[in-house]
Amino acid sequence: MVLLVLGIQGAIRLLVDHDNAGLMSWLPGGFAARLLGYLLIATVGVVLARSGKRRSDRSEAD
């Protein structure tokens, strides 16, 4: 969940203020690369949260 929140928050901040890159300020490639990095972080967060939810549901069913 932390990665999901971090990625979405960073992407929104970058869309509102193009000069505020936040954690991705070290990443070369400009706006597009930084936005893609934040979206990648958010995607990984969604995948991990979904995986954790499935594991939780399975353990409750047993």
N, C-alpha and C. Protein backbone atom coordinates (compact mmCIF):
# COMPACT_ATOMS: atom_id res chain seq x y z
N MET A 1 0.82 -1.19 0.00
CA MET A 1 0.00 0.00 0.00
C MET A 1 0.87 1.26 0.00
N VAL A 2 2.01 1.17 0.66
CA VAL A 2 2.89 2.34 0.71
C VAL A 2 3.38 2.70 -0.69
N LEU A 3 3.75 1.70 -1.47
CA LEU A 3 4.22 1.97 -2.84
C LEU A 3 3.10 2.56 -3.69
N LEU A 4 1.90 2.08 -3.51
CA LEU A 4 0.76 2.60 -4.26
C LEU A 4 0.55 4.07 -3.94
N VAL A 5 0.52 4.40 -2.67
CA VAL A 5 0.31 5.79 -2.26
C VAL A 5 1.47 6.67 -2.71
N LEU A 6 2.68 6.20 -2.56
CA LEU A 6 3.86 6.96 -2.96
C LEU A 6 3.85 7.24 -4.47
N GLY A 7 3.52 6.24 -5.26
CA GLY A 7 3.50 6.41 -6.71
C GLY A 7 2.41 7.36 -7.18
N ILE A 8 1.21 7.21 -6.64
CA ILE A 8 0.10 8.07 -7.05
C ILE A 8 0.34 9.51 -6.60
N GLN A 9 0.79 9.67 -5.36
CA GLN A 9 1.05 11.02 -4.84
C GLN A 9 2.14 11.71 -5.65
N GLY A 10 3.20 11.00 -5.98
CA GLY A 10 4.27 11.58 -6.78
C GLY A 10 3.82 11.94 -8.18
N ALA A 11 3.02 11.09 -8.79
CA ALA A 11 2.53 11.37 -10.14
C ALA A 11 1.62 12.59 -10.15
N ILE A 12 0.74 12.69 -9.17
CA ILE A 12 -0.15 13.86 -9.09
C ILE A 12 0.66 15.12 -8.87
N ARG A 13 1.63 15.07 -7.96
CA ARG A 13 2.46 16.24 -7.69
C ARG A 13 3.21 16.66 -8.96
N LEU A 14 3.73 15.70 -9.70
CA LEU A 14 4.47 16.00 -10.91
C LEU A 14 3.56 16.58 -11.99
N LEU A 15 2.34 16.09 -12.08
CA LEU A 15 1.39 16.64 -13.07
C LEU A 15 0.99 18.06 -12.73
N VAL A 16 0.87 18.38 -11.45
CA VAL A 16 0.48 19.73 -11.04
C VAL A 16 1.64 20.70 -11.18
N ASP A 17 2.83 20.28 -10.76
CA ASP A 17 4.02 21.13 -10.80
C ASP A 17 5.15 20.36 -11.47
N HIS A 18 5.38 20.61 -12.73
CA HIS A 18 6.37 19.86 -13.51
C HIS A 18 7.79 19.97 -12.97
N ASP A 19 8.08 21.02 -12.22
CA ASP A 19 9.43 21.21 -11.71
C ASP A 19 9.68 20.47 -10.40
N ASN A 20 8.62 20.00 -9.74
CA ASN A 20 8.74 19.32 -8.46
C ASN A 20 8.76 17.81 -8.71
N ALA A 21 9.96 17.25 -8.87
CA ALA A 21 10.09 15.83 -9.21
C ALA A 21 10.08 14.93 -7.99
N GLY A 22 10.26 15.48 -6.81
CA GLY A 22 10.23 14.68 -5.59
C GLY A 22 11.33 13.63 -5.56
N LEU A 23 10.96 12.39 -5.27
CA LEU A 23 11.94 11.30 -5.16
C LEU A 23 12.61 10.97 -6.49
N MET A 24 11.98 11.32 -7.58
CA MET A 24 12.52 10.99 -8.90
C MET A 24 13.40 12.10 -9.48
N SER A 25 13.81 13.04 -8.66
CA SER A 25 14.62 14.15 -9.17
C SER A 25 15.97 13.68 -9.70
N TRP A 26 16.46 12.54 -9.24
CA TRP A 26 17.75 12.00 -9.69
C TRP A 26 17.65 11.33 -11.05
N LEU A 27 16.43 11.01 -11.47
CA LEU A 27 16.22 10.25 -12.70
C LEU A 27 16.39 11.13 -13.94
N PRO A 28 17.30 10.79 -14.84
CA PRO A 28 17.44 11.57 -16.07
C PRO A 28 16.29 11.24 -17.03
N GLY A 29 16.03 12.13 -17.94
CA GLY A 29 15.01 11.86 -18.95
C GLY A 29 13.86 12.83 -18.91
N GLY A 30 13.84 13.69 -17.92
CA GLY A 30 12.81 14.72 -17.87
C GLY A 30 11.46 14.23 -17.35
N PHE A 31 10.45 15.01 -17.72
CA PHE A 31 9.09 14.82 -17.21
C PHE A 31 8.54 13.43 -17.52
N ALA A 32 8.66 12.99 -18.75
CA ALA A 32 8.07 11.70 -19.15
C ALA A 32 8.69 10.54 -18.39
N ALA A 33 9.99 10.54 -18.23
CA ALA A 33 10.66 9.44 -17.52
C ALA A 33 10.27 9.43 -16.05
N ARG A 34 10.17 10.61 -15.45
CA ARG A 34 9.79 10.68 -14.04
C ARG A 34 8.35 10.25 -13.83
N LEU A 35 7.47 10.68 -14.71
CA LEU A 35 6.07 10.28 -14.60
C LEU A 35 5.94 8.76 -14.78
N LEU A 36 6.65 8.22 -15.74
CA LEU A 36 6.63 6.77 -15.95
C LEU A 36 7.17 6.03 -14.72
N GLY A 37 8.19 6.58 -14.09
CA GLY A 37 8.73 5.98 -12.87
C GLY A 37 7.70 5.95 -11.75
N TYR A 38 6.99 7.06 -11.55
CA TYR A 38 5.95 7.09 -10.52
C TYR A 38 4.81 6.12 -10.85
N LEU A 39 4.43 6.05 -12.10
CA LEU A 39 3.36 5.13 -12.48
C LEU A 39 3.80 3.68 -12.33
N LEU A 40 5.06 3.41 -12.58
CA LEU A 40 5.59 2.06 -12.37
C LEU A 40 5.56 1.69 -10.88
N ILE A 41 5.94 2.62 -10.02
CA ILE A 41 5.89 2.39 -8.58
C ILE A 41 4.45 2.11 -8.15
N ALA A 42 3.50 2.89 -8.67
CA ALA A 42 2.09 2.68 -8.32
C ALA A 42 1.61 1.32 -8.80
N THR A 43 2.02 0.92 -9.99
CA THR A 43 1.61 -0.38 -10.53
C THR A 43 2.16 -1.52 -9.68
N VAL A 44 3.40 -1.42 -9.27
CA VAL A 44 3.98 -2.44 -8.39
C VAL A 44 3.22 -2.48 -7.07
N GLY A 45 2.83 -1.32 -6.56
CA GLY A 45 2.05 -1.27 -5.33
C GLY A 45 0.70 -1.96 -5.47
N VAL A 46 0.03 -1.76 -6.61
CA VAL A 46 -1.25 -2.42 -6.85
C VAL A 46 -1.08 -3.93 -6.91
N VAL A 47 -0.06 -4.39 -7.61
CA VAL A 47 0.18 -5.83 -7.75
C VAL A 47 0.48 -6.45 -6.39
N LEU A 48 1.32 -5.80 -5.60
CA LEU A 48 1.65 -6.35 -4.28
C LEU A 48 0.46 -6.31 -3.33
N ALA A 49 -0.34 -5.26 -3.38
CA ALA A 49 -1.53 -5.19 -2.53
C ALA A 49 -2.53 -6.27 -2.91
N ARG A 50 -2.72 -6.48 -4.19
CA ARG A 50 -3.65 -7.53 -4.65
C ARG A 50 -3.14 -8.91 -4.23
N SER A 51 -1.86 -9.14 -4.35
CA SER A 51 -1.28 -10.42 -3.94
C SER A 51 -1.46 -10.65 -2.44
N GLY A 52 -1.24 -9.62 -1.65
CA GLY A 52 -1.42 -9.73 -0.21
C GLY A 52 -2.87 -9.99 0.16
N LYS A 53 -3.78 -9.36 -0.55
CA LYS A 53 -5.21 -9.58 -0.29
C LYS A 53 -5.61 -11.01 -0.61
N ARG A 54 -5.11 -11.53 -1.71
CA ARG A 54 -5.42 -12.92 -2.08
C ARG A 54 -4.88 -13.90 -1.04
N ARG A 55 -3.66 -13.66 -0.58
CA ARG A 55 -3.09 -14.53 0.45
C ARG A 55 -3.90 -14.46 1.73
N SER A 56 -4.34 -13.28 2.08
CA SER A 56 -5.14 -13.10 3.28
C SER A 56 -6.47 -13.84 3.16
N ASP A 57 -7.10 -13.72 2.00
CA ASP A 57 -8.37 -14.41 1.77
C ASP A 57 -8.21 -15.92 1.83
N ARG A 58 -7.12 -16.42 1.28
CA ARG A 58 -6.86 -17.87 1.29
C ARG A 58 -6.63 -18.38 2.71
N SER A 59 -5.89 -17.61 3.50
CA SER A 59 -5.59 -18.06 4.86
C SER A 59 -6.83 -18.01 5.75
N GLU A 60 -7.75 -17.11 5.48
CA GLU A 60 -9.00 -17.05 6.24
C GLU A 60 -9.92 -18.21 5.86
N ALA A 61 -9.85 -18.67 4.63
CA ALA A 61 -10.70 -19.75 4.16
C ALA A 61 -10.26 -21.10 4.74
N ASP A 62 -8.99 -21.22 5.08
CA ASP A 62 -8.47 -22.50 5.61
C ASP A 62 -8.84 -22.73 7.04
